[in-house]
N, C-alpha and C. Protein backbone atom coordinates (compact mmCIF):
# COMPACT_ATOMS: atom_id res chain seq x y z
N MET A 1 82.52 -56.90 56.63
CA MET A 1 81.47 -57.07 56.88
C MET A 1 80.58 -56.09 58.02
N ILE A 2 80.83 -56.08 58.94
CA ILE A 2 80.41 -54.93 60.10
C ILE A 2 81.19 -53.37 59.64
N ARG A 3 81.65 -52.95 59.12
CA ARG A 3 81.96 -52.08 58.66
C ARG A 3 80.77 -51.30 57.38
N ARG A 4 80.55 -52.53 56.44
CA ARG A 4 79.74 -52.40 55.56
C ARG A 4 78.54 -51.82 56.06
N LEU A 5 78.12 -52.87 56.97
CA LEU A 5 76.65 -53.09 57.49
C LEU A 5 76.60 -51.44 58.09
N THR A 6 77.90 -50.83 58.75
CA THR A 6 77.72 -49.73 59.33
C THR A 6 77.78 -48.11 59.12
N PHE A 7 78.15 -48.57 58.03
CA PHE A 7 78.15 -47.39 56.49
C PHE A 7 76.89 -47.68 55.85
N ILE A 8 76.11 -48.19 55.61
CA ILE A 8 74.82 -48.42 54.90
C ILE A 8 73.50 -47.72 55.82
N VAL A 9 73.97 -48.11 57.59
CA VAL A 9 73.26 -47.72 58.11
C VAL A 9 73.70 -45.96 58.45
N VAL A 10 74.08 -45.65 58.49
CA VAL A 10 74.71 -44.20 58.57
C VAL A 10 74.16 -43.43 57.52
N ALA A 11 74.48 -43.95 55.99
CA ALA A 11 73.62 -43.22 54.90
C ALA A 11 72.19 -43.20 54.96
N LEU A 12 71.38 -44.59 55.48
CA LEU A 12 70.28 -44.42 55.54
C LEU A 12 69.34 -43.38 56.47
N ALA A 13 69.89 -43.34 57.75
CA ALA A 13 69.84 -42.25 58.53
C ALA A 13 70.37 -41.01 57.88
N LEU A 14 71.02 -40.32 56.99
CA LEU A 14 71.63 -38.90 56.60
C LEU A 14 70.61 -38.48 55.51
N PHE A 15 70.10 -39.58 54.92
CA PHE A 15 69.52 -39.29 53.31
C PHE A 15 68.19 -39.45 53.98
N THR A 16 67.31 -40.63 54.85
CA THR A 16 66.18 -40.50 55.09
C THR A 16 65.28 -39.49 55.19
N PRO A 17 64.74 -39.10 54.31
CA PRO A 17 63.38 -37.81 54.97
C PRO A 17 63.07 -37.80 56.13
N LEU A 18 62.94 -36.54 56.60
CA LEU A 18 61.96 -36.58 58.23
C LEU A 18 61.02 -36.94 58.04
N PRO A 19 59.99 -37.50 58.97
CA PRO A 19 58.52 -37.61 58.88
C PRO A 19 58.14 -36.08 59.28
N ALA A 20 56.62 -36.87 58.58
CA ALA A 20 56.19 -34.87 58.12
C ALA A 20 55.80 -34.29 59.55
N ALA A 21 55.80 -35.08 60.53
CA ALA A 21 55.55 -34.20 61.89
C ALA A 21 56.10 -33.67 62.18
N ALA A 22 57.63 -34.11 62.01
CA ALA A 22 58.57 -33.44 62.43
C ALA A 22 59.08 -32.23 61.83
N GLN A 23 58.47 -31.81 61.39
CA GLN A 23 58.90 -30.98 59.76
C GLN A 23 58.08 -29.49 60.00
N ALA A 24 58.66 -28.55 60.01
CA ALA A 24 57.80 -27.25 60.37
C ALA A 24 56.65 -27.01 59.86
N THR A 25 55.64 -26.37 60.06
CA THR A 25 54.28 -26.48 59.48
C THR A 25 54.18 -25.10 59.35
N PRO A 26 53.97 -25.04 57.86
CA PRO A 26 53.37 -24.15 57.07
C PRO A 26 52.45 -22.93 57.45
N PRO A 27 53.01 -21.71 56.94
CA PRO A 27 51.70 -20.51 58.11
C PRO A 27 50.62 -21.49 57.07
N ALA A 28 49.60 -21.05 57.82
CA ALA A 28 48.18 -21.28 56.89
C ALA A 28 47.32 -19.99 56.13
N PRO A 29 46.86 -20.37 55.51
CA PRO A 29 46.75 -19.19 54.14
C PRO A 29 46.33 -18.00 54.73
N GLY A 30 46.63 -17.04 54.55
CA GLY A 30 46.11 -15.74 55.26
C GLY A 30 46.31 -15.23 56.52
N ALA A 31 47.35 -16.20 56.96
CA ALA A 31 48.09 -16.00 58.54
C ALA A 31 49.56 -14.39 58.31
N ILE A 32 49.37 -14.21 59.37
CA ILE A 32 50.25 -12.96 59.68
C ILE A 32 51.61 -13.31 59.50
N GLU A 33 52.95 -13.40 58.88
CA GLU A 33 53.99 -14.03 59.36
C GLU A 33 54.74 -12.91 59.76
N PRO A 34 54.73 -12.98 61.59
CA PRO A 34 55.48 -12.22 62.52
C PRO A 34 56.80 -11.24 61.90
N PRO A 35 58.28 -11.99 61.33
CA PRO A 35 59.22 -12.03 61.12
C PRO A 35 59.20 -10.80 59.79
N LEU A 36 58.14 -10.44 59.18
CA LEU A 36 57.73 -9.48 58.09
C LEU A 36 57.07 -8.27 58.97
N ARG A 37 56.99 -8.19 59.95
CA ARG A 37 56.13 -7.27 60.86
C ARG A 37 57.00 -6.23 61.19
N ALA A 38 58.08 -6.81 62.26
CA ALA A 38 58.90 -5.88 62.79
C ALA A 38 59.41 -4.94 61.91
N GLY A 39 59.59 -3.09 62.03
CA GLY A 39 60.32 -2.41 61.38
C GLY A 39 59.61 -2.07 59.85
N ASN A 40 59.05 -2.64 59.55
CA ASN A 40 58.11 -2.21 58.03
C ASN A 40 57.71 -1.15 58.36
N LYS A 41 57.40 -0.74 57.11
CA LYS A 41 56.69 0.50 57.10
C LYS A 41 55.34 0.02 56.29
N TRP A 42 54.41 0.58 56.58
CA TRP A 42 52.79 0.48 55.96
C TRP A 42 51.98 1.62 55.60
N ILE A 43 51.38 0.69 54.26
CA ILE A 43 50.54 2.42 54.11
C ILE A 43 48.95 1.20 53.95
N VAL A 44 47.99 2.39 54.26
CA VAL A 44 46.37 1.75 54.14
C VAL A 44 45.79 3.01 53.31
N VAL A 45 45.24 2.40 52.21
CA VAL A 45 43.91 3.17 51.55
C VAL A 45 42.89 2.12 51.45
N GLY A 46 41.78 2.89 51.52
CA GLY A 46 40.55 2.64 50.96
C GLY A 46 39.36 3.43 51.11
N GLY A 47 38.19 2.91 50.97
CA GLY A 47 37.12 3.64 51.36
C GLY A 47 35.84 2.86 52.29
N VAL A 48 35.31 3.83 53.01
CA VAL A 48 34.43 3.02 53.91
C VAL A 48 33.23 4.02 54.03
N TRP A 49 32.14 3.28 54.17
CA TRP A 49 30.80 4.18 54.90
C TRP A 49 30.36 4.84 56.01
N THR A 50 30.06 6.35 55.48
CA THR A 50 29.97 6.97 57.13
C THR A 50 29.10 7.18 57.56
N THR A 51 28.44 7.01 58.87
CA THR A 51 26.91 8.09 59.29
C THR A 51 27.32 8.80 60.38
N SER A 52 26.92 9.97 60.31
CA SER A 52 27.18 10.93 60.94
C SER A 52 26.14 11.59 61.97
N LEU A 53 26.58 11.87 63.32
CA LEU A 53 25.60 12.56 63.73
C LEU A 53 25.80 13.96 64.37
N GLY A 54 25.33 15.43 64.56
CA GLY A 54 25.74 16.22 65.05
C GLY A 54 24.99 16.26 66.25
N ASP A 55 25.27 17.06 67.42
CA ASP A 55 24.58 16.94 68.42
C ASP A 55 25.45 18.44 69.23
N CYS A 56 24.39 19.14 69.75
CA CYS A 56 24.61 20.66 70.23
C CYS A 56 23.75 20.69 71.53
N THR A 57 24.15 21.56 72.19
CA THR A 57 23.24 21.90 73.54
C THR A 57 21.58 22.12 73.56
N ASP A 58 21.32 23.01 72.40
CA ASP A 58 20.34 23.36 72.12
C ASP A 58 19.38 22.91 70.92
N CYS A 59 20.10 21.99 70.27
CA CYS A 59 19.56 21.11 69.20
C CYS A 59 18.26 20.23 69.20
N GLU A 60 16.97 20.49 68.45
CA GLU A 60 16.01 20.05 68.86
C GLU A 60 15.81 18.71 67.95
N GLU A 61 16.27 18.91 66.75
CA GLU A 61 16.55 17.87 65.22
C GLU A 61 17.49 17.20 65.36
N ARG A 62 17.93 16.26 65.31
CA ARG A 62 19.23 15.73 64.79
C ARG A 62 19.05 14.71 63.90
N GLU A 63 19.48 15.09 63.00
CA GLU A 63 19.93 14.38 62.05
C GLU A 63 21.22 13.42 61.23
N TYR A 64 20.89 12.19 61.06
CA TYR A 64 21.79 11.36 60.46
C TYR A 64 22.23 11.58 59.20
N ARG A 65 23.66 11.37 58.84
CA ARG A 65 23.73 11.78 57.61
C ARG A 65 24.87 10.52 56.93
N HIS A 66 24.38 10.28 55.89
CA HIS A 66 25.08 9.16 55.50
C HIS A 66 25.93 9.18 53.99
N THR A 67 27.31 8.84 54.15
CA THR A 67 28.27 9.12 52.75
C THR A 67 29.31 8.37 52.55
N GLY A 68 30.01 8.25 51.81
CA GLY A 68 31.30 7.79 51.45
C GLY A 68 32.29 8.38 51.90
N SER A 69 33.36 7.63 52.19
CA SER A 69 34.79 8.55 52.84
C SER A 69 35.68 8.05 52.45
N LEU A 70 36.65 8.25 52.52
CA LEU A 70 38.35 8.14 52.09
C LEU A 70 39.36 7.83 53.61
N LEU A 71 39.82 6.89 53.33
CA LEU A 71 40.76 6.57 54.74
C LEU A 71 42.13 6.10 53.98
N SER A 72 43.21 7.29 55.07
CA SER A 72 44.38 6.49 54.84
C SER A 72 45.26 6.69 55.77
N ASN A 73 46.33 5.84 56.02
CA ASN A 73 47.32 5.54 56.62
C ASN A 73 48.59 4.79 56.42
N ILE A 74 49.61 5.60 57.22
CA ILE A 74 51.15 5.47 56.56
C ILE A 74 51.87 5.42 57.82
N GLY A 75 53.27 4.71 58.25
CA GLY A 75 53.45 4.28 59.32
C GLY A 75 54.44 3.05 59.66
N TRP A 76 54.92 2.57 60.63
CA TRP A 76 55.55 1.56 60.65
C TRP A 76 55.41 0.86 61.67
N SER A 77 55.69 -0.75 61.74
CA SER A 77 55.39 -1.28 62.64
C SER A 77 57.00 -1.61 63.54
N ILE A 78 56.29 -0.80 64.85
CA ILE A 78 57.64 -0.74 66.27
C ILE A 78 58.09 -2.88 66.99
N ASN A 79 57.21 -3.32 66.41
CA ASN A 79 57.09 -4.86 66.58
C ASN A 79 56.32 -5.52 66.07
N GLU A 80 56.31 -6.87 66.45
CA GLU A 80 55.66 -8.31 66.05
C GLU A 80 53.94 -7.60 65.90
N ARG A 81 53.61 -6.48 67.13
CA ARG A 81 52.07 -6.58 67.31
C ARG A 81 51.83 -5.22 67.02
N THR A 82 52.60 -4.36 66.79
CA THR A 82 52.42 -3.04 67.29
C THR A 82 52.37 -2.05 65.95
N ASP A 83 52.14 -1.37 65.18
CA ASP A 83 51.93 -0.23 64.30
C ASP A 83 51.56 0.90 64.96
N VAL A 84 52.08 1.94 64.47
CA VAL A 84 51.84 3.46 64.96
C VAL A 84 51.85 4.05 63.48
N GLY A 85 51.46 5.61 63.61
CA GLY A 85 51.68 6.11 61.81
C GLY A 85 50.50 7.48 62.28
N ALA A 86 50.13 7.90 61.05
CA ALA A 86 49.18 8.65 61.00
C ALA A 86 48.43 8.21 60.23
N GLU A 87 46.76 8.84 60.24
CA GLU A 87 45.61 8.59 59.95
C GLU A 87 45.04 10.08 59.02
N VAL A 88 44.64 9.57 57.68
CA VAL A 88 44.27 10.55 57.19
C VAL A 88 42.53 10.52 56.75
N MET A 89 41.56 10.65 57.58
CA MET A 89 39.92 10.65 56.87
C MET A 89 39.28 11.82 56.44
N PHE A 90 39.02 11.80 55.14
CA PHE A 90 37.75 12.63 54.73
C PHE A 90 36.57 12.76 54.68
N VAL A 91 35.59 13.39 54.63
CA VAL A 91 33.91 13.09 54.84
C VAL A 91 33.23 14.28 54.37
N ALA A 92 32.73 14.05 53.73
CA ALA A 92 31.65 15.01 53.20
C ALA A 92 30.66 14.91 52.87
N SER A 93 29.56 15.32 53.18
CA SER A 93 28.04 14.76 53.02
C SER A 93 27.27 16.22 53.13
N LYS A 94 25.87 15.67 53.08
CA LYS A 94 25.14 17.15 52.52
C LYS A 94 23.63 16.85 53.07
N ALA A 95 22.76 17.69 53.47
CA ALA A 95 21.34 17.37 53.67
C ALA A 95 20.20 18.06 52.27
N ASN A 96 21.03 19.37 51.68
CA ASN A 96 20.53 20.04 50.75
C ASN A 96 21.46 21.11 49.99
N THR A 97 20.64 21.39 49.51
CA THR A 97 21.89 22.47 48.71
C THR A 97 22.38 23.69 49.55
N ASP A 98 21.98 23.47 50.54
CA ASP A 98 21.98 25.19 51.93
C ASP A 98 22.94 24.69 52.99
N ASP A 99 23.19 23.20 53.11
CA ASP A 99 23.45 22.45 54.28
C ASP A 99 24.38 21.52 54.10
N ARG A 100 25.90 22.19 54.55
CA ARG A 100 26.80 20.83 53.77
C ARG A 100 28.16 21.03 54.95
N ILE A 101 28.65 20.23 55.00
CA ILE A 101 29.69 19.76 55.93
C ILE A 101 30.94 18.79 55.12
N ARG A 102 32.24 19.53 55.69
CA ARG A 102 33.75 18.97 54.66
C ARG A 102 34.18 18.72 56.40
N LEU A 103 34.51 17.60 56.47
CA LEU A 103 35.68 17.12 57.81
C LEU A 103 36.92 16.51 57.51
N THR A 104 37.88 17.18 57.55
CA THR A 104 38.76 15.81 57.45
C THR A 104 39.87 15.64 58.92
N PHE A 105 40.03 14.53 59.16
CA PHE A 105 40.43 14.32 60.35
C PHE A 105 42.06 13.81 59.83
N LEU A 106 42.98 14.42 60.50
CA LEU A 106 44.79 14.04 60.69
C LEU A 106 44.64 13.65 61.91
N MET A 107 45.50 12.26 62.34
CA MET A 107 45.40 12.07 63.72
C MET A 107 46.70 11.23 63.55
N ALA A 108 47.05 11.21 64.81
CA ALA A 108 48.07 9.87 64.91
C ALA A 108 47.47 8.57 65.53
N SER A 109 47.79 7.76 65.00
CA SER A 109 47.46 6.29 64.99
C SER A 109 47.81 5.28 65.58
N PHE A 110 47.50 4.70 66.32
CA PHE A 110 48.23 3.03 66.93
C PHE A 110 47.21 2.20 66.56
N GLN A 111 47.61 1.23 66.26
CA GLN A 111 47.17 0.01 65.85
C GLN A 111 48.21 -1.52 66.74
N TYR A 112 47.15 -2.18 67.35
CA TYR A 112 47.70 -3.33 68.20
C TYR A 112 46.98 -4.73 67.89
N ARG A 113 47.71 -5.73 67.43
CA ARG A 113 47.21 -7.07 67.61
C ARG A 113 47.44 -7.88 68.47
N PRO A 114 46.42 -8.02 69.15
CA PRO A 114 46.43 -9.27 70.73
C PRO A 114 47.44 -10.44 70.23
N TRP A 115 46.93 -11.14 69.37
CA TRP A 115 48.06 -12.25 68.28
C TRP A 115 48.56 -12.46 67.44
N ARG A 116 50.35 -12.96 67.38
CA ARG A 116 50.78 -11.97 66.28
C ARG A 116 50.36 -12.82 65.57
N THR A 117 50.09 -14.00 64.88
CA THR A 117 49.69 -14.78 63.98
C THR A 117 48.20 -14.81 63.38
N ASN A 118 47.38 -13.94 64.39
CA ASN A 118 45.64 -13.38 63.90
C ASN A 118 45.68 -12.23 63.11
N GLY A 119 44.73 -11.84 62.85
CA GLY A 119 44.81 -10.83 61.72
C GLY A 119 43.72 -10.09 62.93
N PHE A 120 43.27 -10.11 64.08
CA PHE A 120 42.21 -9.48 64.14
C PHE A 120 43.38 -8.28 64.88
N PHE A 121 43.04 -6.84 64.85
CA PHE A 121 43.52 -5.88 65.65
C PHE A 121 42.85 -4.63 66.04
N LEU A 122 43.32 -3.81 67.07
CA LEU A 122 42.64 -2.81 67.38
C LEU A 122 43.32 -1.37 67.24
N LYS A 123 42.39 -0.47 66.99
CA LYS A 123 42.80 1.00 66.47
C LYS A 123 42.47 1.93 67.49
N ALA A 124 43.33 2.84 68.13
CA ALA A 124 43.44 4.20 68.49
C ALA A 124 44.06 5.76 67.94
N GLY A 125 43.35 6.45 67.92
CA GLY A 125 43.67 7.65 67.48
C GLY A 125 43.30 8.75 67.95
N ALA A 126 44.07 9.80 68.03
CA ALA A 126 44.21 11.63 68.49
C ALA A 126 44.43 12.69 67.82
N GLY A 127 43.71 13.51 67.53
CA GLY A 127 44.52 14.66 66.31
C GLY A 127 43.59 15.43 66.48
N MET A 128 43.36 16.10 65.17
CA MET A 128 41.88 17.55 64.90
C MET A 128 41.56 17.06 63.51
N ALA A 129 40.74 17.53 63.98
CA ALA A 129 39.24 17.97 62.72
C ALA A 129 39.28 18.88 62.22
N PHE A 130 39.19 19.13 61.15
CA PHE A 130 38.81 20.69 60.10
C PHE A 130 38.01 20.71 59.41
N VAL A 131 37.41 21.60 59.93
CA VAL A 131 35.49 21.35 59.78
C VAL A 131 35.58 22.57 58.23
N HIS A 132 35.11 22.38 56.89
CA HIS A 132 35.10 23.35 55.94
C HIS A 132 33.48 23.38 55.36
N ASN A 133 33.08 24.47 55.92
CA ASN A 133 31.49 24.63 54.83
C ASN A 133 30.58 23.68 56.08
N TRP A 134 30.81 24.37 56.95
CA TRP A 134 29.16 23.61 57.90
C TRP A 134 28.16 24.17 57.77
N ILE A 135 27.47 25.45 57.08
CA ILE A 135 26.65 25.62 56.80
C ILE A 135 27.27 26.78 55.15
N LEU A 136 26.70 26.30 53.79
CA LEU A 136 26.72 27.34 52.96
C LEU A 136 25.61 28.17 52.54
N ASN A 137 25.60 29.38 52.82
CA ASN A 137 24.56 29.76 52.43
C ASN A 137 24.61 30.20 50.80
N VAL A 138 23.89 29.91 49.61
CA VAL A 138 24.10 29.84 48.28
C VAL A 138 23.44 30.78 48.26
N GLU A 139 22.42 31.34 47.95
CA GLU A 139 21.16 32.11 47.91
C GLU A 139 22.12 33.62 48.23
N ASN A 140 22.57 33.75 49.75
CA ASN A 140 23.51 34.80 49.86
C ASN A 140 24.50 35.17 49.41
N ASP A 141 25.17 34.05 49.05
CA ASP A 141 26.21 34.03 48.61
C ASP A 141 27.99 34.73 49.65
N ARG A 142 27.20 33.77 51.04
CA ARG A 142 28.22 34.05 52.04
C ARG A 142 29.51 33.08 51.71
N PRO A 143 30.54 33.45 52.63
CA PRO A 143 31.57 32.57 52.59
C PRO A 143 31.27 31.54 53.21
N SER A 144 32.03 30.44 53.22
CA SER A 144 31.87 29.28 53.70
C SER A 144 33.20 29.27 55.29
N PHE A 145 32.03 28.37 55.98
CA PHE A 145 32.54 28.66 57.54
C PHE A 145 33.95 27.51 57.54
N ARG A 146 34.75 28.03 58.54
CA ARG A 146 35.95 27.15 58.66
C ARG A 146 36.41 26.64 60.35
N SER A 147 36.34 25.86 61.03
CA SER A 147 36.86 25.57 62.28
C SER A 147 37.61 24.45 62.27
N LYS A 148 38.31 24.12 63.47
CA LYS A 148 38.80 22.81 63.79
C LYS A 148 38.51 22.52 65.22
N ALA A 149 38.86 21.18 65.61
CA ALA A 149 38.67 20.34 66.87
C ALA A 149 39.30 19.52 66.99
N PHE A 150 39.52 18.95 68.59
CA PHE A 150 39.84 18.27 68.86
C PHE A 150 39.49 16.77 68.59
N ALA A 151 40.12 15.83 67.98
CA ALA A 151 38.89 14.43 67.98
C ALA A 151 40.19 13.45 68.41
N LEU A 152 39.26 12.33 68.37
CA LEU A 152 39.22 10.92 69.08
C LEU A 152 39.05 9.48 68.14
N ALA A 153 39.44 8.80 68.13
CA ALA A 153 39.13 7.61 67.44
C ALA A 153 39.32 6.29 67.68
N ILE A 154 38.19 5.19 67.96
CA ILE A 154 38.28 4.22 67.91
C ILE A 154 38.13 3.34 67.07
N GLY A 155 38.35 1.80 66.84
CA GLY A 155 37.80 0.81 66.14
C GLY A 155 38.64 -0.71 65.85
N THR A 156 38.39 -1.57 65.38
CA THR A 156 38.71 -2.57 65.42
C THR A 156 38.46 -3.23 63.95
N GLY A 157 39.36 -4.04 63.47
CA GLY A 157 39.43 -4.51 62.47
C GLY A 157 39.60 -6.33 62.22
N TRP A 158 40.47 -6.37 61.00
CA TRP A 158 40.54 -8.15 60.35
C TRP A 158 41.73 -7.44 59.23
N GLU A 159 42.55 -8.13 59.24
CA GLU A 159 43.83 -8.53 57.74
C GLU A 159 44.25 -9.62 57.29
N TRP A 160 44.12 -9.43 56.35
CA TRP A 160 44.34 -10.55 56.08
C TRP A 160 45.78 -10.59 54.92
N SER A 161 46.54 -11.04 54.51
CA SER A 161 47.45 -11.53 53.73
C SER A 161 46.94 -12.02 52.73
N LEU A 162 48.04 -11.24 51.30
CA LEU A 162 47.73 -11.58 50.12
C LEU A 162 48.95 -11.57 49.44
N GLY A 163 50.11 -11.73 50.31
CA GLY A 163 51.10 -12.06 49.70
C GLY A 163 52.48 -11.31 50.62
N ARG A 164 53.74 -11.56 50.10
CA ARG A 164 54.78 -11.07 51.22
C ARG A 164 54.39 -9.42 51.41
N HIS A 165 53.88 -8.69 50.20
CA HIS A 165 54.01 -7.29 51.03
C HIS A 165 52.46 -6.73 50.98
N PHE A 166 51.50 -7.44 50.55
CA PHE A 166 50.15 -7.18 50.34
C PHE A 166 48.80 -7.73 51.21
N GLY A 167 48.31 -7.14 51.68
CA GLY A 167 47.19 -7.20 52.46
C GLY A 167 45.82 -6.84 52.17
N ALA A 168 44.76 -6.88 52.92
CA ALA A 168 43.37 -6.41 52.79
C ALA A 168 42.82 -6.15 54.03
N GLN A 169 42.12 -5.39 54.41
CA GLN A 169 41.37 -5.07 56.03
C GLN A 169 40.30 -4.89 56.15
N VAL A 170 39.43 -5.18 56.60
CA VAL A 170 37.69 -4.83 56.86
C VAL A 170 37.69 -4.16 57.98
N ILE A 171 37.57 -2.65 58.60
CA ILE A 171 37.42 -2.08 59.79
C ILE A 171 36.40 -1.30 60.05
N ALA A 172 36.31 -0.87 61.45
CA ALA A 172 34.81 -0.13 61.78
C ALA A 172 35.21 0.54 62.82
N THR A 173 35.36 1.87 62.58
CA THR A 173 35.63 2.79 63.36
C THR A 173 34.76 3.84 64.00
N HIS A 174 34.89 4.62 65.06
CA HIS A 174 34.09 5.82 65.52
C HIS A 174 35.15 7.13 65.80
N HIS A 175 34.50 7.80 65.42
CA HIS A 175 35.58 9.15 65.27
C HIS A 175 34.67 10.44 65.97
N ALA A 176 35.12 11.10 66.96
CA ALA A 176 34.35 12.02 67.87
C ALA A 176 35.29 12.91 67.51
N ALA A 177 34.49 14.53 67.13
CA ALA A 177 35.29 15.64 67.59
C ALA A 177 34.36 16.32 68.27
N ALA A 178 34.75 17.09 68.97
CA ALA A 178 34.34 18.53 69.80
C ALA A 178 34.16 19.54 68.96
N LEU A 179 33.54 19.76 68.15
CA LEU A 179 33.65 21.32 67.52
C LEU A 179 33.66 22.37 68.32
N GLY A 180 33.24 22.28 68.85
CA GLY A 180 32.80 23.62 69.98
C GLY A 180 31.47 24.57 69.57
N ASP A 181 31.88 26.36 69.73
CA ASP A 181 30.94 26.75 68.77
C ASP A 181 31.07 26.81 67.73
N LEU A 182 29.79 26.93 67.01
CA LEU A 182 30.40 27.09 65.62
C LEU A 182 29.13 28.15 65.24
N GLN A 183 30.39 29.22 64.22
CA GLN A 183 29.20 29.87 63.70
C GLN A 183 28.52 29.98 62.21
N THR A 184 27.10 29.87 61.92
CA THR A 184 26.70 29.43 60.84
C THR A 184 26.06 30.60 60.12
N SER A 185 25.32 30.42 59.23
CA SER A 185 24.84 31.94 58.27
C SER A 185 23.68 32.19 59.29
N ALA A 186 23.05 31.06 59.86
CA ALA A 186 22.00 32.23 61.01
C ALA A 186 22.29 32.36 62.33
N ARG A 187 23.22 31.58 62.54
CA ARG A 187 23.45 32.02 64.09
C ARG A 187 24.64 31.30 64.77
N THR A 188 24.67 31.35 65.93
CA THR A 188 25.84 30.21 66.98
C THR A 188 25.40 29.51 67.51
N VAL A 189 26.20 28.02 66.70
CA VAL A 189 25.46 26.98 67.56
C VAL A 189 26.70 26.82 68.63
N GLU A 190 25.92 26.14 70.01
CA GLU A 190 27.05 26.03 71.09
C GLU A 190 27.54 24.93 71.38
N ASN A 191 28.44 24.12 71.69
CA ASN A 191 28.81 22.91 72.16
C ASN A 191 28.67 21.91 71.28
N VAL A 192 29.10 21.79 69.82
CA VAL A 192 28.70 20.58 68.47
C VAL A 192 29.65 19.69 68.75
N MET A 193 29.25 18.68 69.12
CA MET A 193 29.87 17.13 68.79
C MET A 193 29.43 16.54 68.07
N GLY A 194 30.29 16.24 67.11
CA GLY A 194 30.18 15.11 65.73
C GLY A 194 30.70 14.16 66.19
N ASN A 195 29.66 13.00 66.11
CA ASN A 195 29.98 11.53 65.84
C ASN A 195 29.80 10.76 64.39
N LEU A 196 30.79 10.09 64.12
CA LEU A 196 30.85 9.40 62.70
C LEU A 196 31.39 8.32 63.04
N TRP A 197 30.36 7.20 62.40
CA TRP A 197 30.71 5.59 62.41
C TRP A 197 30.98 4.98 61.60
N SER A 198 32.33 4.53 61.26
CA SER A 198 32.21 3.85 59.82
C SER A 198 32.61 2.31 59.24
N VAL A 199 32.28 2.09 58.39
CA VAL A 199 32.56 0.41 58.07
C VAL A 199 33.15 0.38 56.99
N GLY A 200 33.89 -0.01 56.62
CA GLY A 200 34.79 -0.62 55.02
C GLY A 200 36.06 -1.82 55.14
N GLY A 201 36.45 -1.42 53.42
CA GLY A 201 37.53 -1.93 53.24
C GLY A 201 38.84 -0.93 52.99
N THR A 202 40.02 -1.84 53.14
CA THR A 202 41.10 -1.12 52.42
C THR A 202 42.06 -2.29 52.18
N ILE A 203 43.17 -1.94 51.78
CA ILE A 203 44.19 -2.38 51.36
C ILE A 203 45.51 -2.32 51.43
N VAL A 204 46.00 -3.04 52.30
CA VAL A 204 47.61 -3.04 52.50
C VAL A 204 48.69 -3.34 52.28
N ILE A 205 49.83 -2.12 52.17
CA ILE A 205 51.03 -2.24 51.66
C ILE A 205 52.24 -2.58 52.60
N ARG A 206 52.35 -3.32 53.14
CA ARG A 206 53.97 -3.59 53.86
C ARG A 206 55.32 -3.76 53.51
């Protein structure tokens, strides 16, 4: 009889499901899963709305320009919180038919998440900005001007998980380019500094 009771108690202990409190808590919807981060390659593609402002030593009038831009990143995760890679951002705007500027940023990118399972992140970058058609004089059919400059970028954003390998981001960034002296169709503009503020969204593939 004692043996039978002992067998029943052991069987109940083995096959009775654990209480809900003792089981592992599933991740919240949209949370970042750290084991999938480290070592993963990632690609970011999206669009942002950019406001740009050019400044120089003797500029009397400063004009804000607004335009859509393309943003892309590619790289890999070196640990659960840190991503490194390369960033490309293309900006094209114009004030009138004779005044156009096209900027292409090619930069090394660094992204850091203070909390492993939280979508908030900080990002920074450094590289080059390539300028094309700072001022294109259509009437005189003069060639476009080309230049390049050292550039820096800082930003922040939030990422949501849409699946095991897909996600979405909202981002806000500030790109600054020290364009130096630029030769335009009329004169040389000295010590030009370009500032670009962007807000938008991207799709993430990891």
